[in-house]
Amino acid sequence: VARNRYIQEVQGYNTTVRQFPTNITAKVFGMDTKPNFTVTDEDAISTAPSVDFGDSAKAE
């Protein structure tokens, strides 16, 4: 969810920086487009982490 929100915000920022007349103001203040979020190993983050809470019989 957070990654998608970040990507949407970067896309919105880049669109604003490129559109006229805000692109003139952006150039004056040195605002440039930002790179989007990329992952080098998509398979590594697509699997959920395994969680072990120990033996539930000992907790009782």
PDB file of N, CA and C in Angstrom:
ATOM      1  N   VAL A   1       0.831  -1.183   0.000  1.00  0.00           N
ATOM      2  CA  VAL A   1       0.000   0.000   0.000  1.00  0.00           C
ATOM      3  C   VAL A   1       0.879   1.251   0.000  1.00  0.00           C
ATOM      4  N   ALA A   2       1.878   1.261   0.859  1.00  0.00           N
ATOM      5  CA  ALA A   2       2.755   2.428   0.959  1.00  0.00           C
ATOM      6  C   ALA A   2       3.535   2.642  -0.337  1.00  0.00           C
ATOM      7  N   ARG A   3       3.961   1.562  -0.948  1.00  0.00           N
ATOM      8  CA  ARG A   3       4.704   1.681  -2.208  1.00  0.00           C
ATOM      9  C   ARG A   3       3.825   2.288  -3.290  1.00  0.00           C
ATOM     10  N   ASN A   4       2.574   1.845  -3.376  1.00  0.00           N
ATOM     11  CA  ASN A   4       1.658   2.395  -4.375  1.00  0.00           C
ATOM     12  C   ASN A   4       1.383   3.875  -4.134  1.00  0.00           C
ATOM     13  N   ARG A   5       1.244   4.258  -2.861  1.00  0.00           N
ATOM     14  CA  ARG A   5       1.033   5.670  -2.541  1.00  0.00           C
ATOM     15  C   ARG A   5       2.250   6.498  -2.916  1.00  0.00           C
ATOM     16  N   TYR A   6       3.435   5.980  -2.657  1.00  0.00           N
ATOM     17  CA  TYR A   6       4.668   6.679  -3.027  1.00  0.00           C
ATOM     18  C   TYR A   6       4.743   6.867  -4.536  1.00  0.00           C
ATOM     19  N   ILE A   7       4.455   5.820  -5.283  1.00  0.00           N
ATOM     20  CA  ILE A   7       4.504   5.892  -6.744  1.00  0.00           C
ATOM     21  C   ILE A   7       3.503   6.915  -7.265  1.00  0.00           C
ATOM     22  N   GLN A   8       2.305   6.945  -6.690  1.00  0.00           N
ATOM     23  CA  GLN A   8       1.299   7.916  -7.113  1.00  0.00           C
ATOM     24  C   GLN A   8       1.744   9.344  -6.814  1.00  0.00           C
ATOM     25  N   GLU A   9       2.361   9.557  -5.660  1.00  0.00           N
ATOM     26  CA  GLU A   9       2.835  10.891  -5.311  1.00  0.00           C
ATOM     27  C   GLU A   9       3.958  11.349  -6.236  1.00  0.00           C
ATOM     28  N   VAL A  10       4.873  10.446  -6.573  1.00  0.00           N
ATOM     29  CA  VAL A  10       5.962  10.794  -7.485  1.00  0.00           C
ATOM     30  C   VAL A  10       5.404  11.116  -8.868  1.00  0.00           C
ATOM     31  N   GLN A  11       4.427  10.348  -9.327  1.00  0.00           N
ATOM     32  CA  GLN A  11       3.814  10.622 -10.620  1.00  0.00           C
ATOM     33  C   GLN A  11       3.118  11.980 -10.623  1.00  0.00           C
ATOM     34  N   GLY A  12       2.421  12.295  -9.549  1.00  0.00           N
ATOM     35  CA  GLY A  12       1.764  13.595  -9.436  1.00  0.00           C
ATOM     36  C   GLY A  12       2.761  14.741  -9.419  1.00  0.00           C
ATOM     37  N   TYR A  13       3.844  14.567  -8.682  1.00  0.00           N
ATOM     38  CA  TYR A  13       4.900  15.584  -8.626  1.00  0.00           C
ATOM     39  C   TYR A  13       5.520  15.791  -9.997  1.00  0.00           C
ATOM     40  N   ASN A  14       5.873  14.695 -10.667  1.00  0.00           N
ATOM     41  CA  ASN A  14       6.490  14.799 -11.986  1.00  0.00           C
ATOM     42  C   ASN A  14       5.551  15.454 -13.002  1.00  0.00           C
ATOM     43  N   THR A  15       4.276  15.144 -12.919  1.00  0.00           N
ATOM     44  CA  THR A  15       3.300  15.770 -13.816  1.00  0.00           C
ATOM     45  C   THR A  15       3.221  17.269 -13.551  1.00  0.00           C
ATOM     46  N   THR A  16       3.200  17.661 -12.292  1.00  0.00           N
ATOM     47  CA  THR A  16       3.135  19.074 -11.944  1.00  0.00           C
ATOM     48  C   THR A  16       4.374  19.822 -12.416  1.00  0.00           C
ATOM     49  N   VAL A  17       5.541  19.221 -12.247  1.00  0.00           N
ATOM     50  CA  VAL A  17       6.788  19.873 -12.649  1.00  0.00           C
ATOM     51  C   VAL A  17       6.866  20.043 -14.163  1.00  0.00           C
ATOM     52  N   ARG A  18       6.229  19.175 -14.910  1.00  0.00           N
ATOM     53  CA  ARG A  18       6.290  19.228 -16.374  1.00  0.00           C
ATOM     54  C   ARG A  18       5.214  20.109 -17.007  1.00  0.00           C
ATOM     55  N   GLN A  19       4.126  20.395 -16.290  1.00  0.00           N
ATOM     56  CA  GLN A  19       3.001  21.128 -16.865  1.00  0.00           C
ATOM     57  C   GLN A  19       3.258  22.633 -16.890  1.00  0.00           C
ATOM     58  N   PHE A  20       2.722  23.262 -17.929  1.00  0.00           N
ATOM     59  CA  PHE A  20       2.770  24.709 -18.016  1.00  0.00           C
ATOM     60  C   PHE A  20       1.637  25.272 -17.184  1.00  0.00           C
ATOM     61  N   PRO A  21       1.763  26.280 -16.432  1.00  0.00           N
ATOM     62  CA  PRO A  21       2.854  27.214 -16.209  1.00  0.00           C
ATOM     63  C   PRO A  21       3.743  26.868 -15.022  1.00  0.00           C
ATOM     64  N   THR A  22       3.414  25.765 -14.303  1.00  0.00           N
ATOM     65  CA  THR A  22       4.229  25.424 -13.135  1.00  0.00           C
ATOM     66  C   THR A  22       5.635  24.989 -13.519  1.00  0.00           C
ATOM     67  N   ASN A  23       5.834  24.559 -14.763  1.00  0.00           N
ATOM     68  CA  ASN A  23       7.176  24.161 -15.165  1.00  0.00           C
ATOM     69  C   ASN A  23       8.135  25.349 -15.171  1.00  0.00           C
ATOM     70  N   ILE A  24       7.638  26.553 -15.421  1.00  0.00           N
ATOM     71  CA  ILE A  24       8.487  27.750 -15.375  1.00  0.00           C
ATOM     72  C   ILE A  24       8.957  28.001 -13.945  1.00  0.00           C
ATOM     73  N   THR A  25       8.043  27.943 -13.002  1.00  0.00           N
ATOM     74  CA  THR A  25       8.394  28.131 -11.602  1.00  0.00           C
ATOM     75  C   THR A  25       9.321  27.019 -11.122  1.00  0.00           C
ATOM     76  N   ALA A  26       9.062  25.806 -11.569  1.00  0.00           N
ATOM     77  CA  ALA A  26       9.903  24.677 -11.170  1.00  0.00           C
ATOM     78  C   ALA A  26      11.328  24.853 -11.670  1.00  0.00           C
ATOM     79  N   LYS A  27      11.490  25.342 -12.870  1.00  0.00           N
ATOM     80  CA  LYS A  27      12.837  25.577 -13.410  1.00  0.00           C
ATOM     81  C   LYS A  27      13.560  26.652 -12.619  1.00  0.00           C
ATOM     82  N   VAL A  28      12.855  27.704 -12.218  1.00  0.00           N
ATOM     83  CA  VAL A  28      13.460  28.797 -11.451  1.00  0.00           C
ATOM     84  C   VAL A  28      13.979  28.286 -10.109  1.00  0.00           C
ATOM     85  N   PHE A  29      13.221  27.421  -9.461  1.00  0.00           N
ATOM     86  CA  PHE A  29      13.611  26.915  -8.151  1.00  0.00           C
ATOM     87  C   PHE A  29      14.419  25.623  -8.211  1.00  0.00           C
ATOM     88  N   GLY A  30      14.761  25.175  -9.400  1.00  0.00           N
ATOM     89  CA  GLY A  30      15.601  23.986  -9.556  1.00  0.00           C
ATOM     90  C   GLY A  30      14.892  22.679  -9.277  1.00  0.00           C
ATOM     91  N   MET A  31      13.579  22.678  -9.381  1.00  0.00           N
ATOM     92  CA  MET A  31      12.822  21.444  -9.151  1.00  0.00           C
ATOM     93  C   MET A  31      12.890  20.599 -10.413  1.00  0.00           C
ATOM     94  N   ASP A  32      13.296  19.360 -10.267  1.00  0.00           N
ATOM     95  CA  ASP A  32      13.430  18.455 -11.397  1.00  0.00           C
ATOM     96  C   ASP A  32      12.581  17.220 -11.144  1.00  0.00           C
ATOM     97  N   THR A  33      12.342  16.438 -12.184  1.00  0.00           N
ATOM     98  CA  THR A  33      11.548  15.225 -12.016  1.00  0.00           C
ATOM     99  C   THR A  33      12.305  14.225 -11.147  1.00  0.00           C
ATOM    100  N   LYS A  34      11.573  13.423 -10.434  1.00  0.00           N
ATOM    101  CA  LYS A  34      12.143  12.417  -9.534  1.00  0.00           C
ATOM    102  C   LYS A  34      11.986  11.027 -10.148  1.00  0.00           C
ATOM    103  N   PRO A  35      12.950  10.145  -9.920  1.00  0.00           N
ATOM    104  CA  PRO A  35      12.810   8.784 -10.446  1.00  0.00           C
ATOM    105  C   PRO A  35      11.746   8.016  -9.672  1.00  0.00           C
ATOM    106  N   ASN A  36      11.093   7.107 -10.350  1.00  0.00           N
ATOM    107  CA  ASN A  36      10.070   6.299  -9.722  1.00  0.00           C
ATOM    108  C   ASN A  36      10.709   5.151  -8.940  1.00  0.00           C
ATOM    109  N   PHE A  37       9.960   4.552  -8.052  1.00  0.00           N
ATOM    110  CA  PHE A  37      10.440   3.454  -7.215  1.00  0.00           C
ATOM    111  C   PHE A  37      10.638   2.207  -8.052  1.00  0.00           C
ATOM    112  N   THR A  38      11.810   1.611  -7.952  1.00  0.00           N
ATOM    113  CA  THR A  38      12.081   0.358  -8.652  1.00  0.00           C
ATOM    114  C   THR A  38      12.688  -0.645  -7.682  1.00  0.00           C
ATOM    115  N   VAL A  39      12.471  -1.905  -7.971  1.00  0.00           N
ATOM    116  CA  VAL A  39      12.995  -2.991  -7.153  1.00  0.00           C
ATOM    117  C   VAL A  39      13.838  -3.880  -8.055  1.00  0.00           C
ATOM    118  N   THR A  40      15.040  -4.234  -7.586  1.00  0.00           N
ATOM    119  CA  THR A  40      15.910  -5.068  -8.405  1.00  0.00           C
ATOM    120  C   THR A  40      15.483  -6.531  -8.369  1.00  0.00           C
ATOM    121  N   ASP A  41      14.984  -6.992  -7.213  1.00  0.00           N
ATOM    122  CA  ASP A  41      14.597  -8.395  -7.078  1.00  0.00           C
ATOM    123  C   ASP A  41      13.127  -8.460  -6.648  1.00  0.00           C
ATOM    124  N   GLU A  42      12.237  -8.414  -7.606  1.00  0.00           N
ATOM    125  CA  GLU A  42      10.801  -8.405  -7.326  1.00  0.00           C
ATOM    126  C   GLU A  42      10.346  -9.685  -6.632  1.00  0.00           C
ATOM    127  N   ASP A  43      10.950 -10.821  -6.955  1.00  0.00           N
ATOM    128  CA  ASP A  43      10.557 -12.093  -6.334  1.00  0.00           C
ATOM    129  C   ASP A  43      10.855 -12.117  -4.844  1.00  0.00           C
ATOM    130  N   ALA A  44      11.911 -11.453  -4.430  1.00  0.00           N
ATOM    131  CA  ALA A  44      12.292 -11.462  -3.016  1.00  0.00           C
ATOM    132  C   ALA A  44      11.268 -10.731  -2.144  1.00  0.00           C
ATOM    133  N   ILE A  45      10.637  -9.696  -2.671  1.00  0.00           N
ATOM    134  CA  ILE A  45       9.668  -8.956  -1.863  1.00  0.00           C
ATOM    135  C   ILE A  45       8.230  -9.411  -2.097  1.00  0.00           C
ATOM    136  N   SER A  46       8.001 -10.265  -3.076  1.00  0.00           N
ATOM    137  CA  SER A  46       6.634 -10.703  -3.351  1.00  0.00           C
ATOM    138  C   SER A  46       6.175 -11.821  -2.420  1.00  0.00           C
ATOM    139  N   THR A  47       7.104 -12.510  -1.767  1.00  0.00           N
ATOM    140  CA  THR A  47       6.720 -13.566  -0.835  1.00  0.00           C
ATOM    141  C   THR A  47       6.635 -12.996   0.579  1.00  0.00           C
ATOM    142  N   ALA A  48       5.626 -13.402   1.291  1.00  0.00           N
ATOM    143  CA  ALA A  48       5.437 -12.923   2.661  1.00  0.00           C
ATOM    144  C   ALA A  48       6.476 -13.545   3.591  1.00  0.00           C
ATOM    145  N   PRO A  49       6.919 -12.810   4.600  1.00  0.00           N
ATOM    146  CA  PRO A  49       7.884 -13.377   5.541  1.00  0.00           C
ATOM    147  C   PRO A  49       7.227 -14.452   6.399  1.00  0.00           C
ATOM    148  N   SER A  50       8.013 -15.426   6.820  1.00  0.00           N
ATOM    149  CA  SER A  50       7.469 -16.466   7.694  1.00  0.00           C
ATOM    150  C   SER A  50       7.624 -16.018   9.147  1.00  0.00           C
ATOM    151  N   VAL A  51       6.589 -16.263   9.926  1.00  0.00           N
ATOM    152  CA  VAL A  51       6.571 -15.841  11.323  1.00  0.00           C
ATOM    153  C   VAL A  51       6.380 -17.075  12.187  1.00  0.00           C
ATOM    154  N   ASP A  52       7.216 -17.213  13.220  1.00  0.00           N
ATOM    155  CA  ASP A  52       7.119 -18.343  14.131  1.00  0.00           C
ATOM    156  C   ASP A  52       6.941 -17.804  15.544  1.00  0.00           C
ATOM    157  N   PHE A  53       5.793 -18.085  16.146  1.00  0.00           N
ATOM    158  CA  PHE A  53       5.513 -17.627  17.496  1.00  0.00           C
ATOM    159  C   PHE A  53       5.869 -18.674  18.545  1.00  0.00           C
ATOM    160  N   GLY A  54       6.563 -19.683  18.142  1.00  0.00           N
ATOM    161  CA  GLY A  54       6.974 -20.730  19.065  1.00  0.00           C
ATOM    162  C   GLY A  54       5.886 -21.760  19.274  1.00  0.00           C
ATOM    163  N   ASP A  55       6.093 -22.618  20.227  1.00  0.00           N
ATOM    164  CA  ASP A  55       5.142 -23.675  20.531  1.00  0.00           C
ATOM    165  C   ASP A  55       3.986 -23.108  21.359  1.00  0.00           C
ATOM    166  N   SER A  56       2.762 -23.201  20.834  1.00  0.00           N
ATOM    167  CA  SER A  56       1.609 -22.643  21.525  1.00  0.00           C
ATOM    168  C   SER A  56       1.232 -23.452  22.765  1.00  0.00           C
ATOM    169  N   ALA A  57       1.633 -24.711  22.865  1.00  0.00           N
ATOM    170  CA  ALA A  57       1.312 -25.536  24.030  1.00  0.00           C
ATOM    171  C   ALA A  57       2.070 -25.057  25.251  1.00  0.00           C
ATOM    172  N   LYS A  58       3.264 -24.535  25.100  1.00  0.00           N
ATOM    173  CA  LYS A  58       4.061 -24.055  26.229  1.00  0.00           C
ATOM    174  C   LYS A  58       3.527 -22.742  26.759  1.00  0.00           C
ATOM    175  N   ALA A  59       2.847 -21.980  25.955  1.00  0.00           N
ATOM    176  CA  ALA A  59       2.341 -20.662  26.365  1.00  0.00           C
ATOM    177  C   ALA A  59       1.140 -20.773  27.284  1.00  0.00           C
ATOM    178  N   GLU A  60       0.432 -21.892  27.274  1.00  0.00           N
ATOM    179  CA  GLU A  60      -0.780 -22.029  28.083  1.00  0.00           C
ATOM    180  C   GLU A  60      -0.502 -22.272  29.488  1.00  0.00           C
TER     181      GLU A  60
END
